[in-house]
Amino acid sequence: MLGVSAVDLRLHGAVSEPVARAMARGALVASDAQIAVGVTGIAGPGGGSAEKPVGVVCFSWALRRAGELRLRTETRRLRGDRAAVRTQAIVVALEGLLQVLAENADV
């Protein structure tokens, strides 16, 4: 539904900024929404690696305004158990939505 490409998954892995970006972009394409967020990460307790340890979460925010698509991405290393990582990811996602809206209030 979100249109994440197999190429992005193969090249970057499911937990990556390109995949989070594709998720946010795909949510806008598949809906009438003006703003979307993509979140992908490793909440634990397992699933981490040396390259992408538990707590790595990638975010992307997409805003559609005046026929233009604006995207912002970032990766965070969140601490704690599975519940703590998931709760922090929600907070980061919502704070990012507010920041994108504030930055684009004049559009």
PDB file of N, CA and C in Angstrom:
ATOM      1  N   MET A   1       0.819  -1.198   0.000  1.00  0.00           N
ATOM      2  CA  MET A   1       0.000   0.000   0.000  1.00  0.00           C
ATOM      3  C   MET A   1       0.866   1.267   0.000  1.00  0.00           C
ATOM      4  N   LEU A   2       1.982   1.245   0.689  1.00  0.00           N
ATOM      5  CA  LEU A   2       2.822   2.437   0.783  1.00  0.00           C
ATOM      6  C   LEU A   2       3.800   2.563  -0.374  1.00  0.00           C
ATOM      7  N   GLY A   3       3.976   1.510  -1.134  1.00  0.00           N
ATOM      8  CA  GLY A   3       4.847   1.584  -2.297  1.00  0.00           C
ATOM      9  C   GLY A   3       6.334   1.574  -1.998  1.00  0.00           C
ATOM     10  N   VAL A   4       6.737   0.956  -0.905  1.00  0.00           N
ATOM     11  CA  VAL A   4       8.165   0.835  -0.607  1.00  0.00           C
ATOM     12  C   VAL A   4       8.751  -0.153  -1.611  1.00  0.00           C
ATOM     13  N   SER A   5       9.792   0.258  -2.290  1.00  0.00           N
ATOM     14  CA  SER A   5      10.345  -0.586  -3.347  1.00  0.00           C
ATOM     15  C   SER A   5      11.210  -1.709  -2.782  1.00  0.00           C
ATOM     16  N   ALA A   6      11.199  -2.811  -3.500  1.00  0.00           N
ATOM     17  CA  ALA A   6      12.063  -3.937  -3.144  1.00  0.00           C
ATOM     18  C   ALA A   6      13.527  -3.533  -3.239  1.00  0.00           C
ATOM     19  N   VAL A   7      13.834  -2.623  -4.141  1.00  0.00           N
ATOM     20  CA  VAL A   7      15.215  -2.149  -4.303  1.00  0.00           C
ATOM     21  C   VAL A   7      15.664  -1.421  -3.037  1.00  0.00           C
ATOM     22  N   ASP A   8      14.836  -0.504  -2.511  1.00  0.00           N
ATOM     23  CA  ASP A   8      15.186   0.196  -1.270  1.00  0.00           C
ATOM     24  C   ASP A   8      15.361  -0.788  -0.118  1.00  0.00           C
ATOM     25  N   LEU A   9      14.465  -1.760  -0.022  1.00  0.00           N
ATOM     26  CA  LEU A   9      14.575  -2.748   1.048  1.00  0.00           C
ATOM     27  C   LEU A   9      15.866  -3.547   0.920  1.00  0.00           C
ATOM     28  N   ARG A  10      16.213  -3.947  -0.280  1.00  0.00           N
ATOM     29  CA  ARG A  10      17.416  -4.742  -0.494  1.00  0.00           C
ATOM     30  C   ARG A  10      18.687  -3.914  -0.257  1.00  0.00           C
ATOM     31  N   LEU A  11      18.698  -2.680  -0.782  1.00  0.00           N
ATOM     32  CA  LEU A  11      19.904  -1.849  -0.679  1.00  0.00           C
ATOM     33  C   LEU A  11      20.131  -1.277   0.716  1.00  0.00           C
ATOM     34  N   HIS A  12      19.047  -0.895   1.385  1.00  0.00           N
ATOM     35  CA  HIS A  12      19.177  -0.154   2.645  1.00  0.00           C
ATOM     36  C   HIS A  12      18.658  -0.905   3.864  1.00  0.00           C
ATOM     37  N   GLY A  13      17.829  -1.914   3.660  1.00  0.00           N
ATOM     38  CA  GLY A  13      17.204  -2.623   4.769  1.00  0.00           C
ATOM     39  C   GLY A  13      15.921  -1.946   5.191  1.00  0.00           C
ATOM     40  N   ALA A  14      15.069  -2.702   5.876  1.00  0.00           N
ATOM     41  CA  ALA A  14      13.770  -2.179   6.300  1.00  0.00           C
ATOM     42  C   ALA A  14      13.905  -1.014   7.272  1.00  0.00           C
ATOM     43  N   VAL A  15      14.960  -1.026   8.089  1.00  0.00           N
ATOM     44  CA  VAL A  15      15.197   0.055   9.045  1.00  0.00           C
ATOM     45  C   VAL A  15      16.222   0.998   8.422  1.00  0.00           C
ATOM     46  N   SER A  16      15.694   2.002   7.706  1.00  0.00           N
ATOM     47  CA  SER A  16      16.560   2.955   7.002  1.00  0.00           C
ATOM     48  C   SER A  16      15.772   4.208   6.672  1.00  0.00           C
ATOM     49  N   GLU A  17      16.488   5.307   6.492  1.00  0.00           N
ATOM     50  CA  GLU A  17      15.824   6.550   6.110  1.00  0.00           C
ATOM     51  C   GLU A  17      15.169   6.456   4.737  1.00  0.00           C
ATOM     52  N   PRO A  18      15.786   5.810   3.735  1.00  0.00           N
ATOM     53  CA  PRO A  18      15.084   5.695   2.452  1.00  0.00           C
ATOM     54  C   PRO A  18      13.748   4.961   2.564  1.00  0.00           C
ATOM     55  N   VAL A  19      13.674   3.940   3.400  1.00  0.00           N
ATOM     56  CA  VAL A  19      12.418   3.215   3.570  1.00  0.00           C
ATOM     57  C   VAL A  19      11.411   4.072   4.336  1.00  0.00           C
ATOM     58  N   ALA A  20      11.838   4.764   5.389  1.00  0.00           N
ATOM     59  CA  ALA A  20      10.928   5.659   6.117  1.00  0.00           C
ATOM     60  C   ALA A  20      10.403   6.746   5.183  1.00  0.00           C
ATOM     61  N   ARG A  21      11.279   7.284   4.321  1.00  0.00           N
ATOM     62  CA  ARG A  21      10.883   8.310   3.349  1.00  0.00           C
ATOM     63  C   ARG A  21       9.838   7.755   2.378  1.00  0.00           C
ATOM     64  N   ALA A  22      10.074   6.556   1.879  1.00  0.00           N
ATOM     65  CA  ALA A  22       9.119   5.931   0.958  1.00  0.00           C
ATOM     66  C   ALA A  22       7.780   5.673   1.638  1.00  0.00           C
ATOM     67  N   MET A  23       7.816   5.312   2.918  1.00  0.00           N
ATOM     68  CA  MET A  23       6.575   5.088   3.665  1.00  0.00           C
ATOM     69  C   MET A  23       5.758   6.370   3.783  1.00  0.00           C
ATOM     70  N   ALA A  24       6.409   7.464   4.148  1.00  0.00           N
ATOM     71  CA  ALA A  24       5.705   8.745   4.308  1.00  0.00           C
ATOM     72  C   ALA A  24       5.169   9.230   2.963  1.00  0.00           C
ATOM     73  N   ARG A  25       6.009   9.145   1.930  1.00  0.00           N
ATOM     74  CA  ARG A  25       5.581   9.555   0.594  1.00  0.00           C
ATOM     75  C   ARG A  25       4.404   8.685   0.125  1.00  0.00           C
ATOM     76  N   GLY A  26       4.514   7.384   0.329  1.00  0.00           N
ATOM     77  CA  GLY A  26       3.468   6.459  -0.082  1.00  0.00           C
ATOM     78  C   GLY A  26       2.149   6.705   0.628  1.00  0.00           C
ATOM     79  N   ALA A  27       2.217   7.094   1.901  1.00  0.00           N
ATOM     80  CA  ALA A  27       0.983   7.400   2.639  1.00  0.00           C
ATOM     81  C   ALA A  27       0.261   8.585   2.017  1.00  0.00           C
ATOM     82  N   LEU A  28       1.014   9.579   1.550  1.00  0.00           N
ATOM     83  CA  LEU A  28       0.383  10.731   0.892  1.00  0.00           C
ATOM     84  C   LEU A  28      -0.204  10.344  -0.459  1.00  0.00           C
ATOM     85  N   VAL A  29       0.517   9.549  -1.210  1.00  0.00           N
ATOM     86  CA  VAL A  29       0.049   9.128  -2.527  1.00  0.00           C
ATOM     87  C   VAL A  29      -1.228   8.296  -2.408  1.00  0.00           C
ATOM     88  N   ALA A  30      -1.313   7.465  -1.371  1.00  0.00           N
ATOM     89  CA  ALA A  30      -2.441   6.558  -1.199  1.00  0.00           C
ATOM     90  C   ALA A  30      -3.631   7.189  -0.484  1.00  0.00           C
ATOM     91  N   SER A  31      -3.551   8.491  -0.182  1.00  0.00           N
ATOM     92  CA  SER A  31      -4.623   9.118   0.589  1.00  0.00           C
ATOM     93  C   SER A  31      -4.820  10.573   0.175  1.00  0.00           C
ATOM     94  N   ASP A  32      -5.778  11.191   0.814  1.00  0.00           N
ATOM     95  CA  ASP A  32      -6.014  12.626   0.619  1.00  0.00           C
ATOM     96  C   ASP A  32      -5.330  13.452   1.707  1.00  0.00           C
ATOM     97  N   ALA A  33      -4.473  12.824   2.478  1.00  0.00           N
ATOM     98  CA  ALA A  33      -3.793  13.515   3.591  1.00  0.00           C
ATOM     99  C   ALA A  33      -2.882  14.617   3.070  1.00  0.00           C
ATOM    100  N   GLN A  34      -2.617  15.579   3.913  1.00  0.00           N
ATOM    101  CA  GLN A  34      -1.686  16.658   3.624  1.00  0.00           C
ATOM    102  C   GLN A  34      -0.315  16.419   4.252  1.00  0.00           C
ATOM    103  N   ILE A  35      -0.296  15.586   5.298  1.00  0.00           N
ATOM    104  CA  ILE A  35       0.949  15.314   6.021  1.00  0.00           C
ATOM    105  C   ILE A  35       0.953  13.855   6.463  1.00  0.00           C
ATOM    106  N   ALA A  36       2.136  13.267   6.464  1.00  0.00           N
ATOM    107  CA  ALA A  36       2.261  11.869   6.873  1.00  0.00           C
ATOM    108  C   ALA A  36       3.616  11.659   7.529  1.00  0.00           C
ATOM    109  N   VAL A  37       3.693  10.594   8.299  1.00  0.00           N
ATOM    110  CA  VAL A  37       4.958  10.218   8.933  1.00  0.00           C
ATOM    111  C   VAL A  37       5.210   8.743   8.668  1.00  0.00           C
ATOM    112  N   GLY A  38       6.472   8.422   8.384  1.00  0.00           N
ATOM    113  CA  GLY A  38       6.895   7.036   8.247  1.00  0.00           C
ATOM    114  C   GLY A  38       7.859   6.724   9.375  1.00  0.00           C
ATOM    115  N   VAL A  39       7.660   5.581  10.020  1.00  0.00           N
ATOM    116  CA  VAL A  39       8.512   5.186  11.137  1.00  0.00           C
ATOM    117  C   VAL A  39       8.884   3.724  10.954  1.00  0.00           C
ATOM    118  N   THR A  40      10.163   3.435  11.048  1.00  0.00           N
ATOM    119  CA  THR A  40      10.631   2.057  10.984  1.00  0.00           C
ATOM    120  C   THR A  40      11.828   1.922  11.913  1.00  0.00           C
ATOM    121  N   GLY A  41      11.834   0.862  12.695  1.00  0.00           N
ATOM    122  CA  GLY A  41      12.928   0.733  13.644  1.00  0.00           C
ATOM    123  C   GLY A  41      13.005  -0.624  14.286  1.00  0.00           C
ATOM    124  N   ILE A  42      13.900  -0.738  15.248  1.00  0.00           N
ATOM    125  CA  ILE A  42      14.127  -1.970  15.985  1.00  0.00           C
ATOM    126  C   ILE A  42      13.840  -1.677  17.455  1.00  0.00           C
ATOM    127  N   ALA A  43      12.661  -2.109  17.908  1.00  0.00           N
ATOM    128  CA  ALA A  43      12.256  -1.819  19.278  1.00  0.00           C
ATOM    129  C   ALA A  43      12.775  -2.849  20.270  1.00  0.00           C
ATOM    130  N   GLY A  44      13.181  -4.019  19.789  1.00  0.00           N
ATOM    131  CA  GLY A  44      13.692  -5.050  20.672  1.00  0.00           C
ATOM    132  C   GLY A  44      12.612  -5.964  21.186  1.00  0.00           C
ATOM    133  N   PRO A  45      12.925  -6.883  22.045  1.00  0.00           N
ATOM    134  CA  PRO A  45      14.233  -7.029  22.658  1.00  0.00           C
ATOM    135  C   PRO A  45      15.293  -7.598  21.709  1.00  0.00           C
ATOM    136  N   GLY A  46      14.908  -8.305  20.675  1.00  0.00           N
ATOM    137  CA  GLY A  46      15.864  -8.856  19.717  1.00  0.00           C
ATOM    138  C   GLY A  46      15.785  -8.097  18.410  1.00  0.00           C
ATOM    139  N   GLY A  47      16.515  -8.611  17.422  1.00  0.00           N
ATOM    140  CA  GLY A  47      16.445  -8.044  16.086  1.00  0.00           C
ATOM    141  C   GLY A  47      17.527  -7.048  15.745  1.00  0.00           C
ATOM    142  N   GLY A  48      18.289  -6.623  16.716  1.00  0.00           N
ATOM    143  CA  GLY A  48      19.336  -5.650  16.454  1.00  0.00           C
ATOM    144  C   GLY A  48      20.598  -6.295  15.917  1.00  0.00           C
ATOM    145  N   SER A  49      21.489  -5.459  15.418  1.00  0.00           N
ATOM    146  CA  SER A  49      22.792  -5.915  14.923  1.00  0.00           C
ATOM    147  C   SER A  49      23.828  -4.872  15.335  1.00  0.00           C
ATOM    148  N   ALA A  50      25.084  -5.148  15.038  1.00  0.00           N
ATOM    149  CA  ALA A  50      26.135  -4.170  15.341  1.00  0.00           C
ATOM    150  C   ALA A  50      25.913  -2.888  14.559  1.00  0.00           C
ATOM    151  N   GLU A  51      25.460  -3.018  13.323  1.00  0.00           N
ATOM    152  CA  GLU A  51      25.221  -1.856  12.473  1.00  0.00           C
ATOM    153  C   GLU A  51      23.942  -1.108  12.855  1.00  0.00           C
ATOM    154  N   LYS A  52      22.914  -1.880  13.198  1.00  0.00           N
ATOM    155  CA  LYS A  52      21.621  -1.298  13.574  1.00  0.00           C
ATOM    156  C   LYS A  52      21.160  -1.949  14.878  1.00  0.00           C
ATOM    157  N   PRO A  53      21.619  -1.420  16.002  1.00  0.00           N
ATOM    158  CA  PRO A  53      21.258  -2.014  17.293  1.00  0.00           C
ATOM    159  C   PRO A  53      19.816  -1.710  17.689  1.00  0.00           C
ATOM    160  N   VAL A  54      19.354  -2.454  18.679  1.00  0.00           N
ATOM    161  CA  VAL A  54      18.031  -2.192  19.239  1.00  0.00           C
ATOM    162  C   VAL A  54      17.968  -0.726  19.650  1.00  0.00           C
ATOM    163  N   GLY A  55      16.885  -0.081  19.297  1.00  0.00           N
ATOM    164  CA  GLY A  55      16.693   1.335  19.618  1.00  0.00           C
ATOM    165  C   GLY A  55      16.884   2.253  18.433  1.00  0.00           C
ATOM    166  N   VAL A  56      17.435   1.755  17.326  1.00  0.00           N
ATOM    167  CA  VAL A  56      17.574   2.582  16.121  1.00  0.00           C
ATOM    168  C   VAL A  56      16.202   2.717  15.477  1.00  0.00           C
ATOM    169  N   VAL A  57      15.781   3.954  15.282  1.00  0.00           N
ATOM    170  CA  VAL A  57      14.483   4.230  14.665  1.00  0.00           C
ATOM    171  C   VAL A  57      14.671   5.335  13.627  1.00  0.00           C
ATOM    172  N   CYS A  58      14.153   5.087  12.426  1.00  0.00           N
ATOM    173  CA  CYS A  58      14.221   6.057  11.329  1.00  0.00           C
ATOM    174  C   CYS A  58      12.845   6.672  11.132  1.00  0.00           C
ATOM    175  N   PHE A  59      12.839   7.977  10.956  1.00  0.00           N
ATOM    176  CA  PHE A  59      11.605   8.742  10.809  1.00  0.00           C
ATOM    177  C   PHE A  59      11.647   9.524   9.506  1.00  0.00           C
ATOM    178  N   SER A  60      10.477   9.741   8.920  1.00  0.00           N
ATOM    179  CA  SER A  60      10.354  10.661   7.793  1.00  0.00           C
ATOM    180  C   SER A  60       9.006  11.346   7.884  1.00  0.00           C
ATOM    181  N   TRP A  61       9.031  12.633   7.598  1.00  0.00           N
ATOM    182  CA  TRP A  61       7.807  13.426   7.575  1.00  0.00           C
ATOM    183  C   TRP A  61       7.629  13.972   6.173  1.00  0.00           C
ATOM    184  N   ALA A  62       6.426  13.830   5.642  1.00  0.00           N
ATOM    185  CA  ALA A  62       6.121  14.304   4.292  1.00  0.00           C
ATOM    186  C   ALA A  62       4.945  15.266   4.376  1.00  0.00           C
ATOM    187  N   LEU A  63       5.072  16.384   3.681  1.00  0.00           N
ATOM    188  CA  LEU A  63       4.040  17.408   3.670  1.00  0.00           C
ATOM    189  C   LEU A  63       3.704  17.737   2.225  1.00  0.00           C
ATOM    190  N   ARG A  64       2.412  17.705   1.911  1.00  0.00           N
ATOM    191  CA  ARG A  64       1.955  18.075   0.579  1.00  0.00           C
ATOM    192  C   ARG A  64       1.236  19.426   0.695  1.00  0.00           C
ATOM    193  N   ARG A  65       1.806  20.415   0.029  1.00  0.00           N
ATOM    194  CA  ARG A  65       1.222  21.759   0.025  1.00  0.00           C
ATOM    195  C   ARG A  65       1.430  22.387  -1.336  1.00  0.00           C
ATOM    196  N   ALA A  66       0.400  22.997  -1.859  1.00  0.00           N
ATOM    197  CA  ALA A  66       0.482  23.758  -3.111  1.00  0.00           C
ATOM    198  C   ALA A  66       1.148  22.944  -4.229  1.00  0.00           C
ATOM    199  N   GLY A  67       0.791  21.660  -4.318  1.00  0.00           N
ATOM    200  CA  GLY A  67       1.330  20.810  -5.364  1.00  0.00           C
ATOM    201  C   GLY A  67       2.775  20.393  -5.185  1.00  0.00           C
ATOM    202  N   GLU A  68       3.337  20.697  -4.042  1.00  0.00           N
ATOM    203  CA  GLU A  68       4.741  20.398  -3.768  1.00  0.00           C
ATOM    204  C   GLU A  68       4.831  19.400  -2.618  1.00  0.00           C
ATOM    205  N   LEU A  69       5.797  18.484  -2.701  1.00  0.00           N
ATOM    206  CA  LEU A  69       6.022  17.519  -1.650  1.00  0.00           C
ATOM    207  C   LEU A  69       7.323  17.868  -0.927  1.00  0.00           C
ATOM    208  N   ARG A  70       7.238  18.059   0.375  1.00  0.00           N
ATOM    209  CA  ARG A  70       8.418  18.357   1.190  1.00  0.00           C
ATOM    210  C   ARG A  70       8.649  17.178   2.117  1.00  0.00           C
ATOM    211  N   LEU A  71       9.903  16.730   2.168  1.00  0.00           N
ATOM    212  CA  LEU A  71      10.262  15.568   2.980  1.00  0.00           C
ATOM    213  C   LEU A  71      11.414  15.902   3.918  1.00  0.00           C
ATOM    214  N   ARG A  72      11.355  15.338   5.121  1.00  0.00           N
ATOM    215  CA  ARG A  72      12.447  15.469   6.086  1.00  0.00           C
ATOM    216  C   ARG A  72      12.627  14.106   6.741  1.00  0.00           C
ATOM    217  N   THR A  73      13.858  13.694   6.936  1.00  0.00           N
ATOM    218  CA  THR A  73      14.123  12.407   7.580  1.00  0.00           C
ATOM    219  C   THR A  73      15.172  12.570   8.672  1.00  0.00           C
ATOM    220  N   GLU A  74      15.139  11.630   9.603  1.00  0.00           N
ATOM    221  CA  GLU A  74      16.191  11.575  10.618  1.00  0.00           C
ATOM    222  C   GLU A  74      16.187  10.209  11.273  1.00  0.00           C
ATOM    223  N   THR A  75      17.331   9.850  11.816  1.00  0.00           N
ATOM    224  CA  THR A  75      17.485   8.593  12.539  1.00  0.00           C
ATOM    225  C   THR A  75      17.867   8.904  13.970  1.00  0.00           C
ATOM    226  N   ARG A  76      17.236   8.203  14.886  1.00  0.00           N
ATOM    227  CA  ARG A  76      17.529   8.373  16.312  1.00  0.00           C
ATOM    228  C   ARG A  76      17.911   7.036  16.929  1.00  0.00           C
ATOM    229  N   ARG A  77      18.691   7.099  17.986  1.00  0.00           N
ATOM    230  CA  ARG A  77      18.988   5.913  18.805  1.00  0.00           C
ATOM    231  C   ARG A  77      18.264   6.115  20.124  1.00  0.00           C
ATOM    232  N   LEU A  78      17.175   5.388  20.315  1.00  0.00           N
ATOM    233  CA  LEU A  78      16.348   5.511  21.504  1.00  0.00           C
ATOM    234  C   LEU A  78      16.770   4.448  22.514  1.00  0.00           C
ATOM    235  N   ARG A  79      16.629   4.742  23.791  1.00  0.00           N
ATOM    236  CA  ARG A  79      17.100   3.855  24.854  1.00  0.00           C
ATOM    237  C   ARG A  79      15.932   3.252  25.624  1.00  0.00           C
ATOM    238  N   GLY A  80      16.200   2.094  26.219  1.00  0.00           N
ATOM    239  CA  GLY A  80      15.211   1.452  27.077  1.00  0.00           C
ATOM    240  C   GLY A  80      14.714   0.144  26.498  1.00  0.00           C
ATOM    241  N   ASP A  81      13.702  -0.409  27.158  1.00  0.00           N
ATOM    242  CA  ASP A  81      13.124  -1.664  26.697  1.00  0.00           C
ATOM    243  C   ASP A  81      12.164  -1.400  25.533  1.00  0.00           C
ATOM    244  N   ARG A  82      11.538  -2.455  25.041  1.00  0.00           N
ATOM    245  CA  ARG A  82      10.660  -2.353  23.872  1.00  0.00           C
ATOM    246  C   ARG A  82       9.583  -1.277  24.056  1.00  0.00           C
ATOM    247  N   ALA A  83       8.923  -1.291  25.200  1.00  0.00           N
ATOM    248  CA  ALA A  83       7.858  -0.317  25.453  1.00  0.00           C
ATOM    249  C   ALA A  83       8.410   1.107  25.461  1.00  0.00           C
ATOM    250  N   ALA A  84       9.579   1.299  26.055  1.00  0.00           N
ATOM    251  CA  ALA A  84      10.174   2.639  26.116  1.00  0.00           C
ATOM    252  C   ALA A  84      10.564   3.131  24.723  1.00  0.00           C
ATOM    253  N   VAL A  85      11.147   2.251  23.912  1.00  0.00           N
ATOM    254  CA  VAL A  85      11.529   2.640  22.548  1.00  0.00           C
ATOM    255  C   VAL A  85      10.284   3.010  21.750  1.00  0.00           C
ATOM    256  N   ARG A  86       9.239   2.218  21.854  1.00  0.00           N
ATOM    257  CA  ARG A  86       8.008   2.510  21.114  1.00  0.00           C
ATOM    258  C   ARG A  86       7.371   3.823  21.576  1.00  0.00           C
ATOM    259  N   THR A  87       7.352   4.060  22.868  1.00  0.00           N
ATOM    260  CA  THR A  87       6.781   5.310  23.391  1.00  0.00           C
ATOM    261  C   THR A  87       7.590   6.515  22.929  1.00  0.00           C
ATOM    262  N   GLN A  88       8.910   6.416  22.999  1.00  0.00           N
ATOM    263  CA  GLN A  88       9.755   7.518  22.541  1.00  0.00           C
ATOM    264  C   GLN A  88       9.579   7.762  21.045  1.00  0.00           C
ATOM    265  N   ALA A  89       9.418   6.695  20.271  1.00  0.00           N
ATOM    266  CA  ALA A  89       9.217   6.842  18.829  1.00  0.00           C
ATOM    267  C   ALA A  89       7.927   7.602  18.530  1.00  0.00           C
ATOM    268  N   ILE A  90       6.896   7.335  19.286  1.00  0.00           N
ATOM    269  CA  ILE A  90       5.634   8.070  19.118  1.00  0.00           C
ATOM    270  C   ILE A  90       5.848   9.552  19.395  1.00  0.00           C
ATOM    271  N   VAL A  91       6.550   9.853  20.472  1.00  0.00           N
ATOM    272  CA  VAL A  91       6.806  11.246  20.841  1.00  0.00           C
ATOM    273  C   VAL A  91       7.618  11.954  19.750  1.00  0.00           C
ATOM    274  N   VAL A  92       8.683  11.304  19.268  1.00  0.00           N
ATOM    275  CA  VAL A  92       9.507  11.906  18.210  1.00  0.00           C
ATOM    276  C   VAL A  92       8.671  12.124  16.956  1.00  0.00           C
ATOM    277  N   ALA A  93       7.852  11.148  16.591  1.00  0.00           N
ATOM    278  CA  ALA A  93       7.021  11.269  15.388  1.00  0.00           C
ATOM    279  C   ALA A  93       6.053  12.447  15.503  1.00  0.00           C
ATOM    280  N   LEU A  94       5.401  12.579  16.647  1.00  0.00           N
ATOM    281  CA  LEU A  94       4.444  13.677  16.837  1.00  0.00           C
ATOM    282  C   LEU A  94       5.140  15.030  16.922  1.00  0.00           C
ATOM    283  N   GLU A  95       6.281  15.088  17.622  1.00  0.00           N
ATOM    284  CA  GLU A  95       7.039  16.346  17.685  1.00  0.00           C
ATOM    285  C   GLU A  95       7.495  16.759  16.287  1.00  0.00           C
ATOM    286  N   GLY A  96       7.907  15.788  15.492  1.00  0.00           N
ATOM    287  CA  GLY A  96       8.324  16.071  14.117  1.00  0.00           C
ATOM    288  C   GLY A  96       7.178  16.600  13.273  1.00  0.00           C
ATOM    289  N   LEU A  97       5.983  16.031  13.452  1.00  0.00           N
ATOM    290  CA  LEU A  97       4.812  16.545  12.734  1.00  0.00           C
ATOM    291  C   LEU A  97       4.557  18.010  13.088  1.00  0.00           C
ATOM    292  N   LEU A  98       4.617  18.312  14.372  1.00  0.00           N
ATOM    293  CA  LEU A  98       4.405  19.703  14.801  1.00  0.00           C
ATOM    294  C   LEU A  98       5.477  20.632  14.234  1.00  0.00           C
ATOM    295  N   GLN A  99       6.711  20.160  14.207  1.00  0.00           N
ATOM    296  CA  GLN A  99       7.805  20.993  13.683  1.00  0.00           C
ATOM    297  C   GLN A  99       7.626  21.236  12.184  1.00  0.00           C
ATOM    298  N   VAL A 100       7.286  20.209  11.430  1.00  0.00           N
ATOM    299  CA  VAL A 100       7.069  20.372   9.985  1.00  0.00           C
ATOM    300  C   VAL A 100       5.922  21.339   9.728  1.00  0.00           C
ATOM    301  N   LEU A 101       4.856  21.219  10.487  1.00  0.00           N
ATOM    302  CA  LEU A 101       3.725  22.136  10.326  1.00  0.00           C
ATOM    303  C   LEU A 101       4.124  23.564  10.671  1.00  0.00           C
ATOM    304  N   ALA A 102       4.876  23.754  11.739  1.00  0.00           N
ATOM    305  CA  ALA A 102       5.310  25.100  12.122  1.00  0.00           C
ATOM    306  C   ALA A 102       6.242  25.702  11.083  1.00  0.00           C
ATOM    307  N   GLU A 103       7.156  24.904  10.537  1.00  0.00           N
ATOM    308  CA  GLU A 103       8.095  25.382   9.527  1.00  0.00           C
ATOM    309  C   GLU A 103       7.396  25.761   8.213  1.00  0.00           C
ATOM    310  N   ASN A 104       6.234  25.190   7.992  1.00  0.00           N
ATOM    311  CA  ASN A 104       5.530  25.404   6.720  1.00  0.00           C
ATOM    312  C   ASN A 104       4.187  26.115   6.918  1.00  0.00           C
ATOM    313  N   ALA A 105       4.069  26.838   7.994  1.00  0.00           N
ATOM    314  CA  ALA A 105       2.804  27.509   8.306  1.00  0.00           C
ATOM    315  C   ALA A 105       2.431  28.558   7.258  1.00  0.00           C
ATOM    316  N   ASP A 106       3.419  29.124   6.594  1.00  0.00           N
ATOM    317  CA  ASP A 106       3.146  30.187   5.614  1.00  0.00           C
ATOM    318  C   ASP A 106       2.820  29.656   4.229  1.00  0.00           C
ATOM    319  N   VAL A 107       2.919  28.349   4.039  1.00  0.00           N
ATOM    320  CA  VAL A 107       2.698  27.772   2.709  1.00  0.00           C
ATOM    321  C   VAL A 107       1.228  27.593   2.458  1.00  0.00           C
TER     322      VAL A 107
END
